[in-house]
Every structure is written in structure tokens, then in C-alpha cells.
Amino acid sequence: MKIKITESQYRKIITEVGGYDDENIMASHGGNIHGQLSRAISETIGVMAAFIGHLQDDKLSKNQIMTGVSNITNKFDDDVRLIKSLANEIFLDDDFKKLILNYMKATSKIIKYFRMLSGFSAGMLGGKPTNLSYGLGMGMTDSELRENIAEKLSSLGGYIESLGNMFTTIIGRYEGRLNRDN
């Protein structure tokens, strides 16, 4: 079976950019996807840096550390949900998609560990409602707890560095795709 197309249809097919038939749509869609991911991961890096800084200054109580673990776990959860919702929308950059999915898997493992390490439940203490800490972290010394948390967070270092480089690469790729006729 042969398919016949006109010259104008042929030109339209040839000028598609990565499956997009319009460069503006590519820029809008791709920019939105990459922008959401880069913002979320940048925020996570900021949260991690602040938490690591507090862990190193030895001024946090065990309950404050446990609260910090729960908070960073929630931030990781937000990132995983975002990545799951956007991963299938990454059309052009398979290397970026693979890297972001690997980051999600690594982060998911840390989430599972941190949930075993720290949690809170509502309870009564001294006749007053309060949040009670529980988890493996309660049975650790402060230094063991700090070391375990730092070790898990540092395991993301390679992913974070690669993602930082990839975000820069993606910007360059989009500039190249959008400026190829100029």
C-alpha cells in the first residue's frame, strides 16, 4: 500500500520538531514540564541543604530531627508524585526521562527508610493532646540518627549533580531546537 501526500504535507512532516508540529507548542509544553520538575527538585535541594546544615550544628533535639525527617519525607513524596504525573509527558529527551525516573526510584527508597525511621501519631501526654514520635530513630543515639540520615541524603548526591547538568543541557537543546532556522 502506498500513501500519497502533497508537497505541503511533506514539508510539514519534515519540519516537525520531535513529534511536535509547531515549535511554539514544543516550547510551551516542554518548557512547562521541565520547569515544573526543575523547580520542584531545586526546592528539594534547598530543603536538604538546610536540614543537613541543622544536623551538623548539633543543636537539634531528637524530636526536632525526627520532625525534620518527616518533613523531608513529605517533600520527597511531593517530588515522586510530580515525577509520576509528568514522566510520560517527556517526549524529546529520553536521557532526561531515564535520569528523572532513576532519581524517583532512589528517592522512593529513601522515603521507605525514613518512614521506618520516623513517624508521628496523635496522642496524649500529661493530659494534653500532642504528636508522639515513633520509629527506629527513637532507639538510636543522636549521633547514629544523624549519621544514618546524612548517609541516606548523601546517596542522592550523584543524581542531584547529574540532574543539575541535565537541566542545563535541556535548556541548550531547546534553544537549539527553537533557533535552528534562525
C-alpha atoms as a PDB file:
ATOM      1  CA  MET A   1       0.000   0.000   0.000  1.00  0.00           C
ATOM      2  CA  LYS A   2       1.346   3.402  -0.951  1.00  0.00           C
ATOM      3  CA  ILE A   3       0.392   6.660   0.668  1.00  0.00           C
ATOM      4  CA  LYS A   4       0.436   9.794  -1.390  1.00  0.00           C
ATOM      5  CA  ILE A   5       0.947  13.182   0.226  1.00  0.00           C
ATOM      6  CA  THR A   6       1.220  16.631  -1.181  1.00  0.00           C
ATOM      7  CA  GLU A   7       4.398  18.707  -1.115  1.00  0.00           C
ATOM      8  CA  SER A   8       2.983  20.947   1.644  1.00  0.00           C
ATOM      9  CA  GLN A   9       2.103  17.905   3.776  1.00  0.00           C
ATOM     10  CA  TYR A  10       5.616  16.573   3.228  1.00  0.00           C
ATOM     11  CA  ARG A  11       7.181  19.881   4.352  1.00  0.00           C
ATOM     12  CA  LYS A  12       5.011  19.922   7.444  1.00  0.00           C
ATOM     13  CA  ILE A  13       6.177  16.409   8.374  1.00  0.00           C
ATOM     14  CA  ILE A  14       9.814  17.270   7.733  1.00  0.00           C
ATOM     15  CA  THR A  15       9.656  20.447   9.825  1.00  0.00           C
ATOM     16  CA  GLU A  16       8.134  18.776  12.888  1.00  0.00           C
ATOM     17  CA  VAL A  17      10.261  19.190  15.982  1.00  0.00           C
ATOM     18  CA  GLY A  18      10.492  15.964  17.973  1.00  0.00           C
ATOM     19  CA  GLY A  19       6.927  14.966  17.159  1.00  0.00           C
ATOM     20  CA  TYR A  20       5.551  18.439  17.754  1.00  0.00           C
ATOM     21  CA  ASP A  21       4.117  20.056  14.649  1.00  0.00           C
ATOM     22  CA  ASP A  22       4.703  23.538  15.988  1.00  0.00           C
ATOM     23  CA  GLU A  23       7.793  24.929  17.685  1.00  0.00           C
ATOM     24  CA  ASN A  24       5.687  27.154  19.939  1.00  0.00           C
ATOM     25  CA  ILE A  25       3.742  24.179  21.240  1.00  0.00           C
ATOM     26  CA  MET A  26       7.004  22.308  21.812  1.00  0.00           C
ATOM     27  CA  ALA A  27       8.437  25.252  23.713  1.00  0.00           C
ATOM     28  CA  SER A  28       5.294  25.719  25.784  1.00  0.00           C
ATOM     29  CA  HIS A  29       4.755  22.047  26.618  1.00  0.00           C
ATOM     30  CA  GLY A  30       8.388  21.060  27.084  1.00  0.00           C
ATOM     31  CA  GLY A  31       9.213  24.236  28.982  1.00  0.00           C
ATOM     32  CA  ASN A  32       6.302  23.676  31.339  1.00  0.00           C
ATOM     33  CA  ILE A  33       7.257  20.049  32.036  1.00  0.00           C
ATOM     34  CA  HIS A  34      10.953  20.755  32.538  1.00  0.00           C
ATOM     35  CA  GLY A  35      10.201  23.909  34.504  1.00  0.00           C
ATOM     36  CA  GLN A  36       7.946  22.125  36.989  1.00  0.00           C
ATOM     37  CA  LEU A  37      10.490  19.373  37.520  1.00  0.00           C
ATOM     38  CA  SER A  38      13.478  21.683  37.862  1.00  0.00           C
ATOM     39  CA  ARG A  39      11.632  23.947  40.329  1.00  0.00           C
ATOM     40  CA  ALA A  40      10.496  21.022  42.488  1.00  0.00           C
ATOM     41  CA  ILE A  41      13.926  19.420  42.578  1.00  0.00           C
ATOM     42  CA  SER A  42      15.617  22.766  43.255  1.00  0.00           C
ATOM     43  CA  GLU A  43      13.275  23.287  46.210  1.00  0.00           C
ATOM     44  CA  THR A  44      14.090  19.794  47.471  1.00  0.00           C
ATOM     45  CA  ILE A  45      17.806  20.518  47.236  1.00  0.00           C
ATOM     46  CA  GLY A  46      17.256  23.661  49.304  1.00  0.00           C
ATOM     47  CA  VAL A  47      15.301  21.729  51.944  1.00  0.00           C
ATOM     48  CA  MET A  48      18.007  19.045  52.042  1.00  0.00           C
ATOM     49  CA  ALA A  49      20.805  21.612  52.367  1.00  0.00           C
ATOM     50  CA  ALA A  50      19.044  23.390  55.233  1.00  0.00           C
ATOM     51  CA  PHE A  51      18.314  20.123  57.032  1.00  0.00           C
ATOM     52  CA  ILE A  52      21.885  18.867  56.624  1.00  0.00           C
ATOM     53  CA  GLY A  53      23.144  22.186  57.969  1.00  0.00           C
ATOM     54  CA  HIS A  54      20.955  21.823  61.053  1.00  0.00           C
ATOM     55  CA  LEU A  55      22.063  18.210  61.517  1.00  0.00           C
ATOM     56  CA  GLN A  56      25.699  19.302  61.534  1.00  0.00           C
ATOM     57  CA  ASP A  57      25.324  22.040  64.133  1.00  0.00           C
ATOM     58  CA  ASP A  58      24.263  19.587  66.889  1.00  0.00           C
ATOM     59  CA  LYS A  59      21.633  21.983  68.241  1.00  0.00           C
ATOM     60  CA  LEU A  60      18.591  19.919  67.249  1.00  0.00           C
ATOM     61  CA  SER A  61      16.902  17.631  69.739  1.00  0.00           C
ATOM     62  CA  LYS A  62      15.982  14.107  68.705  1.00  0.00           C
ATOM     63  CA  ASN A  63      12.323  15.151  68.358  1.00  0.00           C
ATOM     64  CA  GLN A  64      13.353  18.041  66.100  1.00  0.00           C
ATOM     65  CA  ILE A  65      15.439  15.671  63.992  1.00  0.00           C
ATOM     66  CA  MET A  66      12.507  13.260  63.745  1.00  0.00           C
ATOM     67  CA  THR A  67      10.252  16.145  62.691  1.00  0.00           C
ATOM     68  CA  GLY A  68      12.808  17.152  60.074  1.00  0.00           C
ATOM     69  CA  VAL A  69      12.898  13.590  58.717  1.00  0.00           C
ATOM     70  CA  SER A  70       9.110  13.575  58.439  1.00  0.00           C
ATOM     71  CA  ASN A  71       9.116  16.955  56.691  1.00  0.00           C
ATOM     72  CA  ILE A  72      11.776  15.993  54.162  1.00  0.00           C
ATOM     73  CA  THR A  73       9.955  12.702  53.554  1.00  0.00           C
ATOM     74  CA  ASN A  74       6.829  14.697  52.705  1.00  0.00           C
ATOM     75  CA  LYS A  75       8.849  16.832  50.266  1.00  0.00           C
ATOM     76  CA  PHE A  76      10.259  13.698  48.620  1.00  0.00           C
ATOM     77  CA  ASP A  77       6.697  12.340  48.384  1.00  0.00           C
ATOM     78  CA  ASP A  78       5.625  15.507  46.586  1.00  0.00           C
ATOM     79  CA  ASP A  79       8.504  15.104  44.108  1.00  0.00           C
ATOM     80  CA  VAL A  80       7.669  11.452  43.437  1.00  0.00           C
ATOM     81  CA  ARG A  81       4.008  12.313  42.774  1.00  0.00           C
ATOM     82  CA  LEU A  82       5.055  15.118  40.418  1.00  0.00           C
ATOM     83  CA  ILE A  83       7.508  12.914  38.542  1.00  0.00           C
ATOM     84  CA  LYS A  84       4.911  10.148  38.186  1.00  0.00           C
ATOM     85  CA  SER A  85       2.411  12.630  36.782  1.00  0.00           C
ATOM     86  CA  LEU A  86       4.860  14.226  34.313  1.00  0.00           C
ATOM     87  CA  ALA A  87       7.227  11.432  33.237  1.00  0.00           C
ATOM     88  CA  ASN A  88       5.008  10.293  30.371  1.00  0.00           C
ATOM     89  CA  GLU A  89       4.904  13.883  29.123  1.00  0.00           C
ATOM     90  CA  ILE A  90       8.660  13.965  28.435  1.00  0.00           C
ATOM     91  CA  PHE A  91       8.697  13.325  24.690  1.00  0.00           C
ATOM     92  CA  LEU A  92      12.017  14.505  23.332  1.00  0.00           C
ATOM     93  CA  ASP A  93      14.727  13.775  25.836  1.00  0.00           C
ATOM     94  CA  ASP A  94      14.932  10.085  26.701  1.00  0.00           C
ATOM     95  CA  ASP A  95      18.153  10.554  28.666  1.00  0.00           C
ATOM     96  CA  PHE A  96      16.436  13.163  30.839  1.00  0.00           C
ATOM     97  CA  LYS A  97      13.417  10.920  31.315  1.00  0.00           C
ATOM     98  CA  LYS A  98      15.626   7.995  32.353  1.00  0.00           C
ATOM     99  CA  LEU A  99      17.564  10.165  34.808  1.00  0.00           C
ATOM    100  CA  ILE A 100      14.437  11.647  36.379  1.00  0.00           C
ATOM    101  CA  LEU A 101      12.927   8.162  36.796  1.00  0.00           C
ATOM    102  CA  ASN A 102      16.142   6.879  38.398  1.00  0.00           C
ATOM    103  CA  TYR A 103      16.092   9.848  40.789  1.00  0.00           C
ATOM    104  CA  MET A 104      12.479   8.978  41.625  1.00  0.00           C
ATOM    105  CA  LYS A 105      13.403   5.344  42.372  1.00  0.00           C
ATOM    106  CA  ALA A 106      16.302   6.385  44.599  1.00  0.00           C
ATOM    107  CA  THR A 107      14.113   8.913  46.385  1.00  0.00           C
ATOM    108  CA  SER A 108      11.369   6.304  46.856  1.00  0.00           C
ATOM    109  CA  LYS A 109      13.847   4.019  48.632  1.00  0.00           C
ATOM    110  CA  ILE A 110      14.809   6.838  50.976  1.00  0.00           C
ATOM    111  CA  ILE A 111      11.130   7.576  51.647  1.00  0.00           C
ATOM    112  CA  LYS A 112      10.585   3.957  52.725  1.00  0.00           C
ATOM    113  CA  TYR A 113      13.606   4.056  55.030  1.00  0.00           C
ATOM    114  CA  PHE A 114      12.695   7.437  56.512  1.00  0.00           C
ATOM    115  CA  ARG A 115       9.145   6.233  57.204  1.00  0.00           C
ATOM    116  CA  MET A 116      10.589   3.365  59.242  1.00  0.00           C
ATOM    117  CA  LEU A 117      12.969   5.798  60.929  1.00  0.00           C
ATOM    118  CA  SER A 118      10.467   8.462  61.950  1.00  0.00           C
ATOM    119  CA  GLY A 119       6.774   8.976  62.305  1.00  0.00           C
ATOM    120  CA  PHE A 120       4.223  10.812  64.388  1.00  0.00           C
ATOM    121  CA  SER A 121       0.850   9.907  65.784  1.00  0.00           C
ATOM    122  CA  ALA A 122      -1.666  11.836  67.810  1.00  0.00           C
ATOM    123  CA  GLY A 123      -1.642  11.053  71.495  1.00  0.00           C
ATOM    124  CA  MET A 124      -1.997  12.375  74.994  1.00  0.00           C
ATOM    125  CA  LEU A 125       0.918  13.462  77.136  1.00  0.00           C
ATOM    126  CA  GLY A 126       0.308  14.904  80.590  1.00  0.00           C
ATOM    127  CA  GLY A 127      -3.401  15.116  79.817  1.00  0.00           C
ATOM    128  CA  LYS A 128      -2.773  17.281  76.732  1.00  0.00           C
ATOM    129  CA  PRO A 129      -3.104  16.261  73.087  1.00  0.00           C
ATOM    130  CA  THR A 130       0.260  16.078  71.352  1.00  0.00           C
ATOM    131  CA  ASN A 131       2.120  14.425  68.491  1.00  0.00           C
ATOM    132  CA  LEU A 132       4.099  11.422  69.666  1.00  0.00           C
ATOM    133  CA  SER A 133       7.261  10.356  67.826  1.00  0.00           C
ATOM    134  CA  TYR A 134       7.880   6.731  66.927  1.00  0.00           C
ATOM    135  CA  GLY A 135      10.133   4.741  64.628  1.00  0.00           C
ATOM    136  CA  LEU A 136      13.582   3.200  64.525  1.00  0.00           C
ATOM    137  CA  GLY A 137      15.178   6.589  65.072  1.00  0.00           C
ATOM    138  CA  MET A 138      13.869   6.712  68.637  1.00  0.00           C
ATOM    139  CA  GLY A 139      16.083   3.733  69.534  1.00  0.00           C
ATOM    140  CA  MET A 140      19.232   5.307  68.063  1.00  0.00           C
ATOM    141  CA  THR A 141      21.634   7.669  69.699  1.00  0.00           C
ATOM    142  CA  ASP A 142      21.594  11.213  68.337  1.00  0.00           C
ATOM    143  CA  SER A 143      24.882  10.657  66.510  1.00  0.00           C
ATOM    144  CA  GLU A 144      23.671   7.355  64.961  1.00  0.00           C
ATOM    145  CA  LEU A 145      20.472   9.040  63.852  1.00  0.00           C
ATOM    146  CA  ARG A 146      22.341  11.976  62.333  1.00  0.00           C
ATOM    147  CA  GLU A 147      24.789   9.659  60.554  1.00  0.00           C
ATOM    148  CA  ASN A 148      22.018   7.467  59.110  1.00  0.00           C
ATOM    149  CA  ILE A 149      20.094  10.470  57.825  1.00  0.00           C
ATOM    150  CA  ALA A 150      23.196  12.092  56.338  1.00  0.00           C
ATOM    151  CA  GLU A 151      24.185   8.816  54.649  1.00  0.00           C
ATOM    152  CA  LYS A 152      20.775   8.427  53.021  1.00  0.00           C
ATOM    153  CA  LEU A 153      20.629  12.030  51.870  1.00  0.00           C
ATOM    154  CA  SER A 154      24.177  11.913  50.516  1.00  0.00           C
ATOM    155  CA  SER A 155      23.219   8.885  48.397  1.00  0.00           C
ATOM    156  CA  LEU A 156      21.226  11.320  46.240  1.00  0.00           C
ATOM    157  CA  GLY A 157      24.302  13.453  45.529  1.00  0.00           C
ATOM    158  CA  GLY A 158      25.134  11.796  42.219  1.00  0.00           C
ATOM    159  CA  TYR A 159      21.562  12.106  40.987  1.00  0.00           C
ATOM    160  CA  ILE A 160      21.372  15.738  42.017  1.00  0.00           C
ATOM    161  CA  GLU A 161      24.623  16.571  40.267  1.00  0.00           C
ATOM    162  CA  SER A 162      23.524  14.737  37.111  1.00  0.00           C
ATOM    163  CA  LEU A 163      20.136  16.454  37.161  1.00  0.00           C
ATOM    164  CA  GLY A 164      21.772  19.863  37.550  1.00  0.00           C
ATOM    165  CA  ASN A 165      23.910  19.174  34.497  1.00  0.00           C
ATOM    166  CA  MET A 166      20.920  17.766  32.620  1.00  0.00           C
ATOM    167  CA  PHE A 167      18.745  20.804  33.292  1.00  0.00           C
ATOM    168  CA  THR A 168      21.471  22.960  31.749  1.00  0.00           C
ATOM    169  CA  THR A 169      21.710  20.557  28.796  1.00  0.00           C
ATOM    170  CA  ILE A 170      17.927  20.623  28.291  1.00  0.00           C
ATOM    171  CA  ILE A 171      17.926  24.414  28.121  1.00  0.00           C
ATOM    172  CA  GLY A 172      20.631  24.260  25.463  1.00  0.00           C
ATOM    173  CA  ARG A 173      18.728  21.638  23.497  1.00  0.00           C
ATOM    174  CA  TYR A 174      15.555  23.680  23.464  1.00  0.00           C
ATOM    175  CA  GLU A 175      17.465  26.780  22.428  1.00  0.00           C
ATOM    176  CA  GLY A 176      18.980  24.779  19.581  1.00  0.00           C
ATOM    177  CA  ARG A 177      15.627  23.336  18.518  1.00  0.00           C
ATOM    178  CA  LEU A 178      13.952  26.721  18.577  1.00  0.00           C
ATOM    179  CA  ASN A 179      16.779  28.574  16.830  1.00  0.00           C
ATOM    180  CA  ARG A 180      17.605  26.001  14.146  1.00  0.00           C
ATOM    181  CA  ASP A 181      16.057  28.055  11.333  1.00  0.00           C
ATOM    182  CA  ASN A 182      17.390  31.404  12.529  1.00  0.00           C
END
